[in-house]
Protein backbone atom coordinates (compact mmCIF):
# COMPACT_ATOMS: atom_id res chain seq x y z
CA MET A 1 -0.01 -0.03 0.03
CA LEU A 2 0.98 3.51 -0.79
CA GLU A 3 1.71 5.52 2.04
CA THR A 4 3.67 8.70 1.02
CA LEU A 5 4.58 9.73 -2.43
CA THR A 6 7.72 12.18 -2.29
CA ILE A 7 8.40 14.23 -5.91
CA ARG A 8 11.43 16.38 -6.82
CA ASP A 9 11.99 18.17 -9.81
CA MET A 10 9.50 16.54 -11.52
CA ALA A 11 7.91 18.78 -14.92
CA LEU A 12 6.77 22.21 -12.95
CA ILE A 13 6.96 20.44 -9.28
CA GLU A 14 9.78 21.42 -7.23
CA ALA A 15 8.97 19.44 -4.04
CA ALA A 16 5.81 17.59 -2.69
CA GLU A 17 4.97 14.90 -0.56
CA LEU A 18 1.70 13.26 -0.22
CA GLN A 19 0.29 11.60 3.09
CA PHE A 20 -2.30 8.81 2.07
CA ARG A 21 -4.40 7.46 4.89
CA PRO A 22 -6.28 4.09 5.32
CA GLY A 23 -9.41 3.78 3.11
CA LEU A 24 -10.36 6.00 0.35
CA ASN A 25 -8.11 8.67 -1.40
CA VAL A 26 -9.32 11.30 -3.51
CA LEU A 27 -7.08 13.71 -5.80
CA THR A 28 -9.13 16.42 -6.69
CA GLY A 29 -8.76 20.01 -8.42
CA GLU A 30 -8.82 22.33 -11.07
CA THR A 31 -8.07 22.46 -14.55
CA GLY A 32 -3.96 22.63 -14.87
CA ALA A 33 -3.59 22.33 -11.11
CA GLY A 34 -0.87 19.17 -11.51
CA LYS A 35 -3.38 15.84 -11.16
CA THR A 36 -2.15 14.33 -14.19
CA MET A 37 1.78 14.82 -12.69
CA LEU A 38 0.31 13.07 -9.67
CA ALA A 39 -0.86 10.67 -11.60
CA GLN A 40 2.71 9.97 -13.95
CA ALA A 41 4.71 10.05 -10.65
CA ILE A 42 1.74 7.47 -9.22
CA GLY A 43 2.55 5.20 -12.45
CA LEU A 44 6.60 5.52 -12.21
CA ILE A 45 6.88 3.82 -8.94
CA ALA A 46 4.06 1.20 -10.44
CA GLY A 47 6.78 0.60 -12.84
CA GLY A 48 6.01 2.91 -16.06
CA GLN A 49 8.72 4.30 -18.03
CA PRO A 50 10.19 7.54 -17.44
CA VAL A 51 11.02 10.26 -20.26
CA ALA A 52 13.52 12.92 -20.26
CA GLU A 53 10.59 15.56 -20.37
CA MET A 54 9.51 14.26 -16.84
CA VAL A 55 12.68 15.86 -15.58
CA GLY A 56 12.10 19.79 -13.90
CA VAL A 57 13.57 22.68 -14.72
CA HIS A 58 15.02 22.80 -10.93
CA GLY A 59 17.72 19.89 -11.74
CA ASP A 60 19.12 17.80 -13.46
CA GLU A 61 17.65 14.68 -11.99
CA SER A 62 14.16 13.84 -11.28
CA TYR A 63 12.79 11.91 -8.08
CA VAL A 64 9.72 10.18 -7.24
């Protein structure tokens, strides 16, 4: 079970940390709020293929 998601230098996200709780966790927000980037980060830790365009402008590498 995913308990914490930490993201650094991924696309426009400089740094973010999400704490998930037992039960249903829902990500909502306005258009352009970054929900897709969070879904991509979860996809990466689930074994998805990274692409160079995911690395943000704040560093030379990205961390999820």
